[in-house]
Amino acid sequence: MVNSPPHYNQGAVECIDAIQAQLTTEEFVGYLRGTIAKYNWRLMLKSDPHEDAQKMAWYQAKLIEVLSAE
């Protein structure tokens, strides 16, 4: 449910890839940073903070991947 949730897939295209394709690198970095901030903000308010922490880490890894490609 963290790395590749089925509700974010349409055939062979993952939602994150479609979002990245629509945005400039700068915009996508902002999207990732905002998503990380969102998960961090509500971390202890959710029923499963461990899963949200894993999601936050996933987006952090994606951010590092994008920044490393520049």
PDB file of N, CA and C in Angstrom:
ATOM      1  N   MET A   1       0.808  -1.200   0.000  1.00  0.00           N
ATOM      2  CA  MET A   1       0.000   0.000   0.000  1.00  0.00           C
ATOM      3  C   MET A   1       0.853   1.267   0.000  1.00  0.00           C
ATOM      4  N   VAL A   2       2.138   1.147   0.223  1.00  0.00           N
ATOM      5  CA  VAL A   2       3.002   2.328   0.252  1.00  0.00           C
ATOM      6  C   VAL A   2       3.688   2.531  -1.088  1.00  0.00           C
ATOM      7  N   ASN A   3       4.351   1.516  -1.599  1.00  0.00           N
ATOM      8  CA  ASN A   3       5.176   1.681  -2.796  1.00  0.00           C
ATOM      9  C   ASN A   3       4.398   1.725  -4.101  1.00  0.00           C
ATOM     10  N   SER A   4       3.320   1.006  -4.185  1.00  0.00           N
ATOM     11  CA  SER A   4       2.569   0.961  -5.440  1.00  0.00           C
ATOM     12  C   SER A   4       1.110   0.599  -5.167  1.00  0.00           C
ATOM     13  N   PRO A   5       0.375   1.502  -4.516  1.00  0.00           N
ATOM     14  CA  PRO A   5      -1.014   1.176  -4.187  1.00  0.00           C
ATOM     15  C   PRO A   5      -1.860   1.005  -5.443  1.00  0.00           C
ATOM     16  N   PRO A   6      -2.685  -0.018  -5.483  1.00  0.00           N
ATOM     17  CA  PRO A   6      -3.455  -0.305  -6.700  1.00  0.00           C
ATOM     18  C   PRO A   6      -4.404   0.810  -7.105  1.00  0.00           C
ATOM     19  N   HIS A   7      -4.851   1.617  -6.153  1.00  0.00           N
ATOM     20  CA  HIS A   7      -5.780   2.695  -6.493  1.00  0.00           C
ATOM     21  C   HIS A   7      -5.085   3.874  -7.176  1.00  0.00           C
ATOM     22  N   TYR A   8      -3.759   3.839  -7.328  1.00  0.00           N
ATOM     23  CA  TYR A   8      -3.027   4.877  -8.050  1.00  0.00           C
ATOM     24  C   TYR A   8      -2.516   4.399  -9.403  1.00  0.00           C
ATOM     25  N   ASN A   9      -3.021   3.296  -9.892  1.00  0.00           N
ATOM     26  CA  ASN A   9      -2.595   2.751 -11.184  1.00  0.00           C
ATOM     27  C   ASN A   9      -3.748   2.753 -12.169  1.00  0.00           C
ATOM     28  N   GLN A  10      -3.456   3.092 -13.401  1.00  0.00           N
ATOM     29  CA  GLN A  10      -4.399   2.966 -14.506  1.00  0.00           C
ATOM     30  C   GLN A  10      -3.663   2.201 -15.594  1.00  0.00           C
ATOM     31  N   GLY A  11      -3.878   0.919 -15.676  1.00  0.00           N
ATOM     32  CA  GLY A  11      -3.140   0.119 -16.652  1.00  0.00           C
ATOM     33  C   GLY A  11      -1.671   0.108 -16.290  1.00  0.00           C
ATOM     34  N   ALA A  12      -0.834   0.521 -17.226  1.00  0.00           N
ATOM     35  CA  ALA A  12       0.613   0.511 -17.016  1.00  0.00           C
ATOM     36  C   ALA A  12       1.138   1.839 -16.474  1.00  0.00           C
ATOM     37  N   VAL A  13       0.268   2.823 -16.292  1.00  0.00           N
ATOM     38  CA  VAL A  13       0.694   4.162 -15.873  1.00  0.00           C
ATOM     39  C   VAL A  13       0.354   4.375 -14.403  1.00  0.00           C
ATOM     40  N   GLU A  14       1.382   4.751 -13.632  1.00  0.00           N
ATOM     41  CA  GLU A  14       1.153   5.099 -12.234  1.00  0.00           C
ATOM     42  C   GLU A  14       0.867   6.591 -12.138  1.00  0.00           C
ATOM     43  N   CYS A  15       0.033   6.965 -11.210  1.00  0.00           N
ATOM     44  CA  CYS A  15      -0.374   8.354 -11.027  1.00  0.00           C
ATOM     45  C   CYS A  15       0.837   9.276 -10.853  1.00  0.00           C
ATOM     46  N   ILE A  16       1.820   8.876 -10.047  1.00  0.00           N
ATOM     47  CA  ILE A  16       2.993   9.711  -9.802  1.00  0.00           C
ATOM     48  C   ILE A  16       3.749  10.006 -11.094  1.00  0.00           C
ATOM     49  N   ASP A  17       3.805   9.030 -11.999  1.00  0.00           N
ATOM     50  CA  ASP A  17       4.484   9.228 -13.278  1.00  0.00           C
ATOM     51  C   ASP A  17       3.711  10.195 -14.170  1.00  0.00           C
ATOM     52  N   ALA A  18       2.389  10.106 -14.147  1.00  0.00           N
ATOM     53  CA  ALA A  18       1.563  11.029 -14.927  1.00  0.00           C
ATOM     54  C   ALA A  18       1.695  12.449 -14.396  1.00  0.00           C
ATOM     55  N   ILE A  19       1.725  12.592 -13.072  1.00  0.00           N
ATOM     56  CA  ILE A  19       1.910  13.918 -12.476  1.00  0.00           C
ATOM     57  C   ILE A  19       3.265  14.489 -12.879  1.00  0.00           C
ATOM     58  N   GLN A  20       4.308  13.684 -12.779  1.00  0.00           N
ATOM     59  CA  GLN A  20       5.657  14.148 -13.138  1.00  0.00           C
ATOM     60  C   GLN A  20       5.720  14.565 -14.596  1.00  0.00           C
ATOM     61  N   ALA A  21       5.053  13.840 -15.476  1.00  0.00           N
ATOM     62  CA  ALA A  21       5.077  14.154 -16.904  1.00  0.00           C
ATOM     63  C   ALA A  21       4.398  15.491 -17.205  1.00  0.00           C
ATOM     64  N   GLN A  22       3.452  15.891 -16.367  1.00  0.00           N
ATOM     65  CA  GLN A  22       2.714  17.131 -16.591  1.00  0.00           C
ATOM     66  C   GLN A  22       3.432  18.370 -16.071  1.00  0.00           C
ATOM     67  N   LEU A  23       4.419  18.179 -15.199  1.00  0.00           N
ATOM     68  CA  LEU A  23       5.050  19.296 -14.510  1.00  0.00           C
ATOM     69  C   LEU A  23       6.494  19.479 -14.933  1.00  0.00           C
ATOM     70  N   THR A  24       6.993  20.697 -14.766  1.00  0.00           N
ATOM     71  CA  THR A  24       8.429  20.920 -14.924  1.00  0.00           C
ATOM     72  C   THR A  24       9.127  20.268 -13.728  1.00  0.00           C
ATOM     73  N   THR A  25      10.419  20.121 -13.807  1.00  0.00           N
ATOM     74  CA  THR A  25      11.162  19.544 -12.679  1.00  0.00           C
ATOM     75  C   THR A  25      10.975  20.390 -11.429  1.00  0.00           C
ATOM     76  N   GLU A  26      11.036  21.702 -11.578  1.00  0.00           N
ATOM     77  CA  GLU A  26      10.858  22.596 -10.427  1.00  0.00           C
ATOM     78  C   GLU A  26       9.466  22.430  -9.805  1.00  0.00           C
ATOM     79  N   GLU A  27       8.453  22.331 -10.635  1.00  0.00           N
ATOM     80  CA  GLU A  27       7.090  22.135 -10.134  1.00  0.00           C
ATOM     81  C   GLU A  27       6.951  20.784  -9.437  1.00  0.00           C
ATOM     82  N   PHE A  28       7.548  19.754 -10.026  1.00  0.00           N
ATOM     83  CA  PHE A  28       7.451  18.415  -9.445  1.00  0.00           C
ATOM     84  C   PHE A  28       8.166  18.353  -8.102  1.00  0.00           C
ATOM     85  N   VAL A  29       9.315  19.007  -8.003  1.00  0.00           N
ATOM     86  CA  VAL A  29      10.027  19.080  -6.723  1.00  0.00           C
ATOM     87  C   VAL A  29       9.136  19.751  -5.683  1.00  0.00           C
ATOM     88  N   GLY A  30       8.453  20.827  -6.065  1.00  0.00           N
ATOM     89  CA  GLY A  30       7.531  21.491  -5.152  1.00  0.00           C
ATOM     90  C   GLY A  30       6.384  20.591  -4.731  1.00  0.00           C
ATOM     91  N   TYR A  31       5.858  19.833  -5.678  1.00  0.00           N
ATOM     92  CA  TYR A  31       4.792  18.867  -5.380  1.00  0.00           C
ATOM     93  C   TYR A  31       5.275  17.842  -4.350  1.00  0.00           C
ATOM     94  N   LEU A  32       6.470  17.298  -4.568  1.00  0.00           N
ATOM     95  CA  LEU A  32       7.016  16.299  -3.647  1.00  0.00           C
ATOM     96  C   LEU A  32       7.244  16.897  -2.263  1.00  0.00           C
ATOM     97  N   ARG A  33       7.796  18.099  -2.214  1.00  0.00           N
ATOM     98  CA  ARG A  33       8.041  18.752  -0.927  1.00  0.00           C
ATOM     99  C   ARG A  33       6.739  19.004  -0.184  1.00  0.00           C
ATOM    100  N   GLY A  34       5.718  19.426  -0.903  1.00  0.00           N
ATOM    101  CA  GLY A  34       4.421  19.656  -0.286  1.00  0.00           C
ATOM    102  C   GLY A  34       3.791  18.381   0.235  1.00  0.00           C
ATOM    103  N   THR A  35       3.939  17.305  -0.521  1.00  0.00           N
ATOM    104  CA  THR A  35       3.389  16.020  -0.100  1.00  0.00           C
ATOM    105  C   THR A  35       4.103  15.509   1.144  1.00  0.00           C
ATOM    106  N   ILE A  36       5.413  15.666   1.196  1.00  0.00           N
ATOM    107  CA  ILE A  36       6.187  15.280   2.381  1.00  0.00           C
ATOM    108  C   ILE A  36       5.710  16.082   3.592  1.00  0.00           C
ATOM    109  N   ALA A  37       5.523  17.386   3.401  1.00  0.00           N
ATOM    110  CA  ALA A  37       5.066  18.248   4.496  1.00  0.00           C
ATOM    111  C   ALA A  37       3.677  17.822   4.978  1.00  0.00           C
ATOM    112  N   LYS A  38       2.799  17.452   4.036  1.00  0.00           N
ATOM    113  CA  LYS A  38       1.445  17.013   4.389  1.00  0.00           C
ATOM    114  C   LYS A  38       1.493  15.767   5.272  1.00  0.00           C
ATOM    115  N   TYR A  39       2.262  14.758   4.854  1.00  0.00           N
ATOM    116  CA  TYR A  39       2.342  13.529   5.641  1.00  0.00           C
ATOM    117  C   TYR A  39       2.980  13.782   7.005  1.00  0.00           C
ATOM    118  N   ASN A  40       3.970  14.646   7.049  1.00  0.00           N
ATOM    119  CA  ASN A  40       4.616  14.966   8.317  1.00  0.00           C
ATOM    120  C   ASN A  40       3.648  15.705   9.246  1.00  0.00           C
ATOM    121  N   TRP A  41       2.882  16.618   8.710  1.00  0.00           N
ATOM    122  CA  TRP A  41       1.954  17.441   9.490  1.00  0.00           C
ATOM    123  C   TRP A  41       0.906  16.585  10.211  1.00  0.00           C
ATOM    124  N   ARG A  42       0.363  15.616   9.498  1.00  0.00           N
ATOM    125  CA  ARG A  42      -0.747  14.839  10.058  1.00  0.00           C
ATOM    126  C   ARG A  42      -0.324  13.475  10.590  1.00  0.00           C
ATOM    127  N   LEU A  43       0.970  13.241  10.668  1.00  0.00           N
ATOM    128  CA  LEU A  43       1.508  11.918  10.994  1.00  0.00           C
ATOM    129  C   LEU A  43       0.860  11.296  12.229  1.00  0.00           C
ATOM    130  N   MET A  44       0.829  11.985  13.330  1.00  0.00           N
ATOM    131  CA  MET A  44       0.326  11.407  14.570  1.00  0.00           C
ATOM    132  C   MET A  44      -1.189  11.536  14.713  1.00  0.00           C
ATOM    133  N   LEU A  45      -1.853  12.080  13.703  1.00  0.00           N
ATOM    134  CA  LEU A  45      -3.299  12.230  13.743  1.00  0.00           C
ATOM    135  C   LEU A  45      -4.017  11.101  13.010  1.00  0.00           C
ATOM    136  N   LYS A  46      -3.281  10.271  12.320  1.00  0.00           N
ATOM    137  CA  LYS A  46      -3.866   9.196  11.519  1.00  0.00           C
ATOM    138  C   LYS A  46      -3.947   7.910  12.341  1.00  0.00           C
ATOM    139  N   SER A  47      -4.763   6.978  11.860  1.00  0.00           N
ATOM    140  CA  SER A  47      -4.928   5.710  12.579  1.00  0.00           C
ATOM    141  C   SER A  47      -3.691   4.817  12.467  1.00  0.00           C
ATOM    142  N   ASP A  48      -2.881   5.014  11.414  1.00  0.00           N
ATOM    143  CA  ASP A  48      -1.670   4.200  11.236  1.00  0.00           C
ATOM    144  C   ASP A  48      -0.482   5.111  10.925  1.00  0.00           C
ATOM    145  N   PRO A  49       0.100   5.747  11.948  1.00  0.00           N
ATOM    146  CA  PRO A  49       1.208   6.661  11.696  1.00  0.00           C
ATOM    147  C   PRO A  49       2.420   5.977  11.070  1.00  0.00           C
ATOM    148  N   HIS A  50       2.599   4.685  11.342  1.00  0.00           N
ATOM    149  CA  HIS A  50       3.731   3.968  10.745  1.00  0.00           C
ATOM    150  C   HIS A  50       3.600   3.941   9.223  1.00  0.00           C
ATOM    151  N   GLU A  51       2.396   3.676   8.720  1.00  0.00           N
ATOM    152  CA  GLU A  51       2.189   3.651   7.269  1.00  0.00           C
ATOM    153  C   GLU A  51       2.391   5.036   6.666  1.00  0.00           C
ATOM    154  N   ASP A  52       1.895   6.072   7.326  1.00  0.00           N
ATOM    155  CA  ASP A  52       2.097   7.425   6.812  1.00  0.00           C
ATOM    156  C   ASP A  52       3.578   7.812   6.849  1.00  0.00           C
ATOM    157  N   ALA A  53       4.312   7.359   7.854  1.00  0.00           N
ATOM    158  CA  ALA A  53       5.756   7.613   7.903  1.00  0.00           C
ATOM    159  C   ALA A  53       6.449   6.930   6.728  1.00  0.00           C
ATOM    160  N   GLN A  54       5.984   5.728   6.378  1.00  0.00           N
ATOM    161  CA  GLN A  54       6.552   5.034   5.219  1.00  0.00           C
ATOM    162  C   GLN A  54       6.229   5.798   3.926  1.00  0.00           C
ATOM    163  N   LYS A  55       5.015   6.321   3.830  1.00  0.00           N
ATOM    164  CA  LYS A  55       4.650   7.110   2.646  1.00  0.00           C
ATOM    165  C   LYS A  55       5.518   8.357   2.554  1.00  0.00           C
ATOM    166  N   MET A  56       5.719   9.019   3.682  1.00  0.00           N
ATOM    167  CA  MET A  56       6.570  10.204   3.705  1.00  0.00           C
ATOM    168  C   MET A  56       7.983   9.848   3.243  1.00  0.00           C
ATOM    169  N   ALA A  57       8.499   8.718   3.704  1.00  0.00           N
ATOM    170  CA  ALA A  57       9.833   8.265   3.294  1.00  0.00           C
ATOM    171  C   ALA A  57       9.871   7.953   1.802  1.00  0.00           C
ATOM    172  N   TRP A  58       8.773   7.410   1.255  1.00  0.00           N
ATOM    173  CA  TRP A  58       8.716   7.109  -0.175  1.00  0.00           C
ATOM    174  C   TRP A  58       8.837   8.395  -0.986  1.00  0.00           C
ATOM    175  N   TYR A  59       8.083   9.408  -0.591  1.00  0.00           N
ATOM    176  CA  TYR A  59       8.148  10.693  -1.306  1.00  0.00           C
ATOM    177  C   TYR A  59       9.510  11.357  -1.125  1.00  0.00           C
ATOM    178  N   GLN A  60      10.122  11.197   0.048  1.00  0.00           N
ATOM    179  CA  GLN A  60      11.468  11.729   0.279  1.00  0.00           C
ATOM    180  C   GLN A  60      12.471  11.047  -0.653  1.00  0.00           C
ATOM    181  N   ALA A  61      12.365   9.734  -0.811  1.00  0.00           N
ATOM    182  CA  ALA A  61      13.254   9.000  -1.718  1.00  0.00           C
ATOM    183  C   ALA A  61      13.033   9.446  -3.163  1.00  0.00           C
ATOM    184  N   LYS A  62      11.788   9.688  -3.533  1.00  0.00           N
ATOM    185  CA  LYS A  62      11.481  10.163  -4.889  1.00  0.00           C
ATOM    186  C   LYS A  62      12.085  11.542  -5.101  1.00  0.00           C
ATOM    187  N   LEU A  63      12.002  12.402  -4.090  1.00  0.00           N
ATOM    188  CA  LEU A  63      12.602  13.731  -4.179  1.00  0.00           C
ATOM    189  C   LEU A  63      14.110  13.627  -4.369  1.00  0.00           C
ATOM    190  N   ILE A  64      14.751  12.770  -3.622  1.00  0.00           N
ATOM    191  CA  ILE A  64      16.200  12.573  -3.762  1.00  0.00           C
ATOM    192  C   ILE A  64      16.531  12.061  -5.158  1.00  0.00           C
ATOM    193  N   GLU A  65      15.729  11.143  -5.664  1.00  0.00           N
ATOM    194  CA  GLU A  65      15.920  10.606  -7.012  1.00  0.00           C
ATOM    195  C   GLU A  65      15.830  11.723  -8.065  1.00  0.00           C
ATOM    196  N   VAL A  66      14.833  12.575  -7.954  1.00  0.00           N
ATOM    197  CA  VAL A  66      14.642  13.660  -8.926  1.00  0.00           C
ATOM    198  C   VAL A  66      15.778  14.672  -8.822  1.00  0.00           C
ATOM    199  N   LEU A  67      16.166  15.029  -7.603  1.00  0.00           N
ATOM    200  CA  LEU A  67      17.246  15.982  -7.444  1.00  0.00           C
ATOM    201  C   LEU A  67      18.589  15.429  -7.905  1.00  0.00           C
ATOM    202  N   SER A  68      18.780  14.141  -7.768  1.00  0.00           N
ATOM    203  CA  SER A  68      20.026  13.510  -8.211  1.00  0.00           C
ATOM    204  C   SER A  68      20.135  13.467  -9.738  1.00  0.00           C
ATOM    205  N   ALA A  69      18.990  13.488 -10.407  1.00  0.00           N
ATOM    206  CA  ALA A  69      18.970  13.410 -11.878  1.00  0.00           C
ATOM    207  C   ALA A  69      19.260  14.762 -12.530  1.00  0.00           C
ATOM    208  N   GLU A  70      19.204  15.820 -11.745  1.00  0.00           N
ATOM    209  CA  GLU A  70      19.437  17.164 -12.318  1.00  0.00           C
ATOM    210  C   GLU A  70      20.875  17.390 -12.687  1.00  0.00           C
TER     211      GLU A  70
END
